[in-house]
Amino acid sequence: MSRVEVVAPVAEVFVQFEGQPTGPQFAKHSIFRGVSLRCWQYLVPEPGRSDAQAAASIEAAIQSRGCRDIVLQDCEVAHIGTYAVWFWRGAATAASSDAICTI
């Protein structure tokens, strides 16, 4: 082997939109177009997970809380080992189109 590519993910979140879910301060009017986000990891905490359904407490690579008018268009989220996008509490008029998510 003459060449090796090593990827060591360290980021806890790739993109985070953080507003106040109940207002009046919202994260708003953002468009991500043609962005590729790759190679992220999720490490299970020491006590493990015990969510009742769908591991709903696990974070995602792209997260939004308290946001308005957020658009992810023609984006790729790949090799992340967990959820690609979470629109959490207070997210409205958020959209994703023509996205590719490979986990």
C-alpha atoms as a PDB file:
ATOM      1  CA  MET A   1       0.000   0.000   0.000  1.00  0.00           C
ATOM      2  CA  SER A   2       1.640   3.227  -1.116  1.00  0.00           C
ATOM      3  CA  ARG A   3      -1.092   5.681  -0.173  1.00  0.00           C
ATOM      4  CA  VAL A   4      -3.544   5.827   2.748  1.00  0.00           C
ATOM      5  CA  GLU A   5      -6.359   8.244   3.446  1.00  0.00           C
ATOM      6  CA  VAL A   6      -7.230   8.642   7.120  1.00  0.00           C
ATOM      7  CA  VAL A   7     -10.380  10.361   8.322  1.00  0.00           C
ATOM      8  CA  ALA A   8     -10.670  11.263  12.005  1.00  0.00           C
ATOM      9  CA  PRO A   9     -14.019  12.945  12.697  1.00  0.00           C
ATOM     10  CA  VAL A  10     -14.017  15.310  15.668  1.00  0.00           C
ATOM     11  CA  ALA A  11     -16.924  17.721  15.144  1.00  0.00           C
ATOM     12  CA  GLU A  12     -19.966  17.168  17.367  1.00  0.00           C
ATOM     13  CA  VAL A  13     -22.291  18.941  14.909  1.00  0.00           C
ATOM     14  CA  PHE A  14     -21.663  20.073  11.328  1.00  0.00           C
ATOM     15  CA  VAL A  15     -24.286  22.831  11.139  1.00  0.00           C
ATOM     16  CA  GLN A  16     -26.473  24.167  13.928  1.00  0.00           C
ATOM     17  CA  PHE A  17     -29.228  26.772  13.632  1.00  0.00           C
ATOM     18  CA  GLU A  18     -30.017  27.930  17.152  1.00  0.00           C
ATOM     19  CA  GLY A  19     -32.867  30.300  17.894  1.00  0.00           C
ATOM     20  CA  GLN A  20     -35.406  30.501  20.693  1.00  0.00           C
ATOM     21  CA  PRO A  21     -38.108  27.873  19.992  1.00  0.00           C
ATOM     22  CA  THR A  22     -40.830  30.033  21.565  1.00  0.00           C
ATOM     23  CA  GLY A  23     -39.545  33.279  20.014  1.00  0.00           C
ATOM     24  CA  PRO A  24     -38.937  36.104  19.596  1.00  0.00           C
ATOM     25  CA  GLN A  25     -35.351  35.399  18.445  1.00  0.00           C
ATOM     26  CA  PHE A  26     -35.373  32.885  15.577  1.00  0.00           C
ATOM     27  CA  ALA A  27     -32.524  31.688  13.381  1.00  0.00           C
ATOM     28  CA  LYS A  28     -33.897  32.515   9.947  1.00  0.00           C
ATOM     29  CA  HIS A  29     -33.506  33.084   6.206  1.00  0.00           C
ATOM     30  CA  SER A  30     -30.612  30.707   5.491  1.00  0.00           C
ATOM     31  CA  ILE A  31     -30.044  28.644   2.350  1.00  0.00           C
ATOM     32  CA  PHE A  32     -27.417  25.920   2.006  1.00  0.00           C
ATOM     33  CA  ARG A  33     -27.065  24.947  -1.638  1.00  0.00           C
ATOM     34  CA  GLY A  34     -24.694  22.322  -3.054  1.00  0.00           C
ATOM     35  CA  VAL A  35     -22.933  21.626   0.248  1.00  0.00           C
ATOM     36  CA  SER A  36     -21.336  18.251   0.949  1.00  0.00           C
ATOM     37  CA  LEU A  37     -20.860  17.228   4.597  1.00  0.00           C
ATOM     38  CA  ARG A  38     -19.013  13.960   5.162  1.00  0.00           C
ATOM     39  CA  CYS A  39     -17.385  11.773   7.782  1.00  0.00           C
ATOM     40  CA  TRP A  40     -18.878  12.390  11.170  1.00  0.00           C
ATOM     41  CA  GLN A  41     -19.187   9.968  14.048  1.00  0.00           C
ATOM     42  CA  TYR A  42     -21.592   9.296  16.842  1.00  0.00           C
ATOM     43  CA  LEU A  43     -20.224   7.792  20.023  1.00  0.00           C
ATOM     44  CA  VAL A  44     -22.722   6.120  22.328  1.00  0.00           C
ATOM     45  CA  PRO A  45     -22.406   7.642  25.810  1.00  0.00           C
ATOM     46  CA  GLU A  46     -21.150   5.437  28.633  1.00  0.00           C
ATOM     47  CA  PRO A  47     -24.569   4.537  30.091  1.00  0.00           C
ATOM     48  CA  GLY A  48     -25.893   3.730  26.602  1.00  0.00           C
ATOM     49  CA  ARG A  49     -29.235   4.811  25.104  1.00  0.00           C
ATOM     50  CA  SER A  50     -32.727   3.962  26.257  1.00  0.00           C
ATOM     51  CA  ASP A  51     -35.034   6.039  24.070  1.00  0.00           C
ATOM     52  CA  ALA A  52     -38.506   4.559  23.805  1.00  0.00           C
ATOM     53  CA  GLN A  53     -38.688   4.984  20.040  1.00  0.00           C
ATOM     54  CA  ALA A  54     -36.457   6.004  17.131  1.00  0.00           C
ATOM     55  CA  ALA A  55     -33.563   7.147  19.337  1.00  0.00           C
ATOM     56  CA  ALA A  56     -35.136  10.592  19.392  1.00  0.00           C
ATOM     57  CA  SER A  57     -32.583  12.099  21.767  1.00  0.00           C
ATOM     58  CA  ILE A  58     -29.623  11.448  19.455  1.00  0.00           C
ATOM     59  CA  GLU A  59     -28.243  14.562  17.781  1.00  0.00           C
ATOM     60  CA  ALA A  60     -27.916  14.960  14.005  1.00  0.00           C
ATOM     61  CA  ALA A  61     -25.209  16.328  11.709  1.00  0.00           C
ATOM     62  CA  ILE A  62     -27.438  19.311  10.827  1.00  0.00           C
ATOM     63  CA  GLN A  63     -29.708  20.597  13.593  1.00  0.00           C
ATOM     64  CA  SER A  64     -32.145  23.433  13.956  1.00  0.00           C
ATOM     65  CA  ARG A  65     -34.061  24.763  16.931  1.00  0.00           C
ATOM     66  CA  GLY A  66     -36.221  27.831  16.848  1.00  0.00           C
ATOM     67  CA  CYS A  67     -35.723  28.473  13.148  1.00  0.00           C
ATOM     68  CA  ARG A  68     -37.730  29.889  10.261  1.00  0.00           C
ATOM     69  CA  ASP A  69     -37.129  29.699   6.516  1.00  0.00           C
ATOM     70  CA  ILE A  70     -34.151  27.323   6.495  1.00  0.00           C
ATOM     71  CA  VAL A  71     -33.512  25.549   3.164  1.00  0.00           C
ATOM     72  CA  LEU A  72     -31.137  22.684   2.402  1.00  0.00           C
ATOM     73  CA  GLN A  73     -31.015  22.266  -1.370  1.00  0.00           C
ATOM     74  CA  ASP A  74     -28.889  19.846  -3.419  1.00  0.00           C
ATOM     75  CA  CYS A  75     -26.863  18.936  -0.327  1.00  0.00           C
ATOM     76  CA  GLU A  76     -25.118  15.695   0.550  1.00  0.00           C
ATOM     77  CA  VAL A  77     -24.703  14.281   4.054  1.00  0.00           C
ATOM     78  CA  ALA A  78     -22.663  11.087   3.961  1.00  0.00           C
ATOM     79  CA  HIS A  79     -20.805   8.638   6.204  1.00  0.00           C
ATOM     80  CA  ILE A  80     -22.075  10.087   9.446  1.00  0.00           C
ATOM     81  CA  GLY A  81     -23.307   7.088  11.464  1.00  0.00           C
ATOM     82  CA  THR A  82     -26.453   8.797  12.772  1.00  0.00           C
ATOM     83  CA  TYR A  83     -29.255  11.103  11.670  1.00  0.00           C
ATOM     84  CA  ALA A  84     -28.562  13.582   8.881  1.00  0.00           C
ATOM     85  CA  VAL A  85     -31.034  16.389   9.723  1.00  0.00           C
ATOM     86  CA  TRP A  86     -33.173  17.244  12.751  1.00  0.00           C
ATOM     87  CA  PHE A  87     -35.715  20.037  12.730  1.00  0.00           C
ATOM     88  CA  TRP A  88     -36.283  20.279  16.478  1.00  0.00           C
ATOM     89  CA  ARG A  89     -38.744  22.286  18.528  1.00  0.00           C
ATOM     90  CA  GLY A  90     -39.764  25.620  17.110  1.00  0.00           C
ATOM     91  CA  ALA A  91     -38.687  24.851  13.532  1.00  0.00           C
ATOM     92  CA  ALA A  92     -41.125  26.105  10.897  1.00  0.00           C
ATOM     93  CA  THR A  93     -40.990  26.542   7.130  1.00  0.00           C
ATOM     94  CA  ALA A  94     -37.813  24.498   6.961  1.00  0.00           C
ATOM     95  CA  ALA A  95     -37.238  22.381   3.870  1.00  0.00           C
ATOM     96  CA  SER A  96     -34.840  19.952   2.272  1.00  0.00           C
ATOM     97  CA  SER A  97     -34.947  19.199  -1.454  1.00  0.00           C
ATOM     98  CA  ASP A  98     -32.875  17.067  -3.794  1.00  0.00           C
ATOM     99  CA  ALA A  99     -30.743  16.001  -0.851  1.00  0.00           C
ATOM    100  CA  ILE A 100     -28.658  12.856  -0.726  1.00  0.00           C
ATOM    101  CA  CYS A 101     -28.230  11.258   2.680  1.00  0.00           C
ATOM    102  CA  THR A 102     -25.906   8.278   2.943  1.00  0.00           C
ATOM    103  CA  ILE A 103     -25.361   6.977   6.447  1.00  0.00           C
END
